[in-house]
Amino acid sequence: MIKRFVREDEGQTLVEYGLLVALIALVVIAILTLLGTKVRNVFVSINGHLVSTT
């Protein structure tokens, strides 16, 4: 039973995938935080141009 527990790596793989997803989420949050206002300004500008032309 102990040998089987040491050999099984399914739990280890699940933890690795969880850490990978958490890292990706942190990177996405950091990028959105840094670029969020710039992206918002672009959409506001586009919206202003669309409203003024109609």
N, C-alpha and C. Protein backbone atom coordinates (compact mmCIF):
# COMPACT_ATOMS: atom_id res chain seq x y z
N MET A 1 0.83 -1.18 0.00
CA MET A 1 0.00 0.00 0.00
C MET A 1 0.88 1.26 0.00
N ILE A 2 1.95 1.27 0.75
CA ILE A 2 2.84 2.44 0.80
C ILE A 2 3.56 2.62 -0.53
N LYS A 3 3.98 1.51 -1.15
CA LYS A 3 4.64 1.61 -2.44
C LYS A 3 3.71 2.20 -3.49
N ARG A 4 2.46 1.77 -3.46
CA ARG A 4 1.48 2.30 -4.41
C ARG A 4 1.26 3.79 -4.19
N PHE A 5 1.22 4.22 -2.94
CA PHE A 5 1.00 5.63 -2.62
C PHE A 5 2.18 6.47 -3.12
N VAL A 6 3.39 5.96 -2.98
CA VAL A 6 4.58 6.70 -3.41
C VAL A 6 4.65 6.74 -4.93
N ARG A 7 4.24 5.70 -5.60
CA ARG A 7 4.32 5.62 -7.05
C ARG A 7 3.28 6.49 -7.74
N GLU A 8 2.10 6.62 -7.18
CA GLU A 8 1.03 7.37 -7.84
C GLU A 8 1.40 8.84 -7.93
N ASP A 9 1.25 9.40 -9.12
CA ASP A 9 1.58 10.80 -9.31
C ASP A 9 0.38 11.61 -9.80
N GLU A 10 -0.82 11.07 -9.68
CA GLU A 10 -2.01 11.78 -10.14
C GLU A 10 -2.24 13.04 -9.31
N GLY A 11 -2.06 12.95 -8.02
CA GLY A 11 -2.23 14.12 -7.16
C GLY A 11 -1.18 15.18 -7.45
N GLN A 12 0.03 14.74 -7.72
CA GLN A 12 1.11 15.67 -8.04
C GLN A 12 0.80 16.40 -9.33
N THR A 13 0.30 15.72 -10.33
CA THR A 13 -0.04 16.34 -11.59
C THR A 13 -1.16 17.35 -11.41
N LEU A 14 -2.14 17.02 -10.60
CA LEU A 14 -3.23 17.94 -10.34
C LEU A 14 -2.74 19.22 -9.67
N VAL A 15 -1.83 19.09 -8.73
CA VAL A 15 -1.26 20.26 -8.06
C VAL A 15 -0.47 21.11 -9.06
N GLU A 16 0.29 20.46 -9.92
CA GLU A 16 1.06 21.20 -10.93
C GLU A 16 0.14 21.97 -11.86
N TYR A 17 -0.95 21.36 -12.31
CA TYR A 17 -1.90 22.07 -13.16
C TYR A 17 -2.55 23.23 -12.41
N GLY A 18 -2.84 23.04 -11.14
CA GLY A 18 -3.41 24.12 -10.34
C GLY A 18 -2.47 25.30 -10.21
N LEU A 19 -1.18 25.01 -9.98
CA LEU A 19 -0.19 26.08 -9.90
C LEU A 19 -0.02 26.79 -11.24
N LEU A 20 -0.07 26.05 -12.31
CA LEU A 20 0.04 26.63 -13.64
C LEU A 20 -1.13 27.57 -13.93
N VAL A 21 -2.34 27.13 -13.60
CA VAL A 21 -3.52 27.97 -13.81
C VAL A 21 -3.44 29.23 -12.95
N ALA A 22 -2.99 29.09 -11.72
CA ALA A 22 -2.85 30.25 -10.83
C ALA A 22 -1.82 31.24 -11.38
N LEU A 23 -0.73 30.75 -11.90
CA LEU A 23 0.30 31.62 -12.47
C LEU A 23 -0.23 32.36 -13.70
N ILE A 24 -0.94 31.66 -14.55
CA ILE A 24 -1.52 32.29 -15.74
C ILE A 24 -2.52 33.36 -15.33
N ALA A 25 -3.35 33.07 -14.32
CA ALA A 25 -4.32 34.05 -13.84
C ALA A 25 -3.63 35.30 -13.30
N LEU A 26 -2.54 35.12 -12.56
CA LEU A 26 -1.81 36.27 -12.04
C LEU A 26 -1.21 37.13 -13.15
N VAL A 27 -0.70 36.49 -14.17
CA VAL A 27 -0.13 37.22 -15.30
C VAL A 27 -1.22 38.01 -16.03
N VAL A 28 -2.37 37.40 -16.25
CA VAL A 28 -3.47 38.08 -16.93
C VAL A 28 -3.95 39.27 -16.09
N ILE A 29 -4.08 39.09 -14.79
CA ILE A 29 -4.51 40.18 -13.92
C ILE A 29 -3.50 41.32 -13.95
N ALA A 30 -2.22 41.00 -13.92
CA ALA A 30 -1.18 42.03 -13.96
C ALA A 30 -1.23 42.80 -15.28
N ILE A 31 -1.41 42.10 -16.38
CA ILE A 31 -1.47 42.77 -17.69
C ILE A 31 -2.70 43.66 -17.77
N LEU A 32 -3.84 43.17 -17.32
CA LEU A 32 -5.05 43.99 -17.36
C LEU A 32 -4.93 45.20 -16.45
N THR A 33 -4.26 45.05 -15.34
CA THR A 33 -4.08 46.18 -14.43
C THR A 33 -3.19 47.24 -15.07
N LEU A 34 -2.14 46.82 -15.73
CA LEU A 34 -1.22 47.77 -16.35
C LEU A 34 -1.79 48.42 -17.60
N LEU A 35 -2.53 47.66 -18.39
CA LEU A 35 -3.02 48.18 -19.66
C LEU A 35 -4.50 48.55 -19.64
N GLY A 36 -5.16 48.35 -18.53
CA GLY A 36 -6.60 48.57 -18.46
C GLY A 36 -7.04 49.97 -18.82
N THR A 37 -6.36 50.96 -18.27
CA THR A 37 -6.76 52.35 -18.55
C THR A 37 -6.49 52.72 -20.00
N LYS A 38 -5.42 52.22 -20.57
CA LYS A 38 -5.12 52.51 -21.97
C LYS A 38 -6.18 51.91 -22.89
N VAL A 39 -6.57 50.67 -22.61
CA VAL A 39 -7.60 50.01 -23.42
C VAL A 39 -8.93 50.75 -23.27
N ARG A 40 -9.25 51.16 -22.05
CA ARG A 40 -10.49 51.90 -21.80
C ARG A 40 -10.49 53.20 -22.60
N ASN A 41 -9.36 53.92 -22.60
CA ASN A 41 -9.28 55.18 -23.33
C ASN A 41 -9.46 54.97 -24.83
N VAL A 42 -8.95 53.88 -25.36
CA VAL A 42 -9.14 53.59 -26.79
C VAL A 42 -10.61 53.38 -27.09
N PHE A 43 -11.32 52.61 -26.25
CA PHE A 43 -12.73 52.37 -26.49
C PHE A 43 -13.55 53.64 -26.33
N VAL A 44 -13.20 54.48 -25.37
CA VAL A 44 -13.90 55.76 -25.19
C VAL A 44 -13.69 56.65 -26.41
N SER A 45 -12.50 56.67 -26.92
CA SER A 45 -12.20 57.46 -28.11
C SER A 45 -12.97 56.96 -29.32
N ILE A 46 -13.01 55.66 -29.51
CA ILE A 46 -13.76 55.09 -30.63
C ILE A 46 -15.24 55.41 -30.48
N ASN A 47 -15.76 55.27 -29.27
CA ASN A 47 -17.16 55.57 -29.02
C ASN A 47 -17.46 57.04 -29.31
N GLY A 48 -16.57 57.93 -28.92
CA GLY A 48 -16.75 59.35 -29.18
C GLY A 48 -16.78 59.66 -30.66
N HIS A 49 -15.92 59.01 -31.42
CA HIS A 49 -15.91 59.22 -32.87
C HIS A 49 -17.18 58.66 -33.51
N LEU A 50 -17.65 57.54 -33.04
CA LEU A 50 -18.87 56.95 -33.61
C LEU A 50 -20.09 57.83 -33.31
N VAL A 51 -20.16 58.36 -32.13
CA VAL A 51 -21.30 59.19 -31.74
C VAL A 51 -21.28 60.50 -32.53
N SER A 52 -20.10 61.07 -32.74
CA SER A 52 -20.00 62.35 -33.43
C SER A 52 -20.27 62.22 -34.92
N THR A 53 -20.10 61.06 -35.51
CA THR A 53 -20.33 60.89 -36.95
C THR A 53 -21.76 60.52 -37.28
N THR A 54 -22.55 60.14 -36.29
CA THR A 54 -23.93 59.74 -36.59
C THR A 54 -24.90 60.86 -36.38
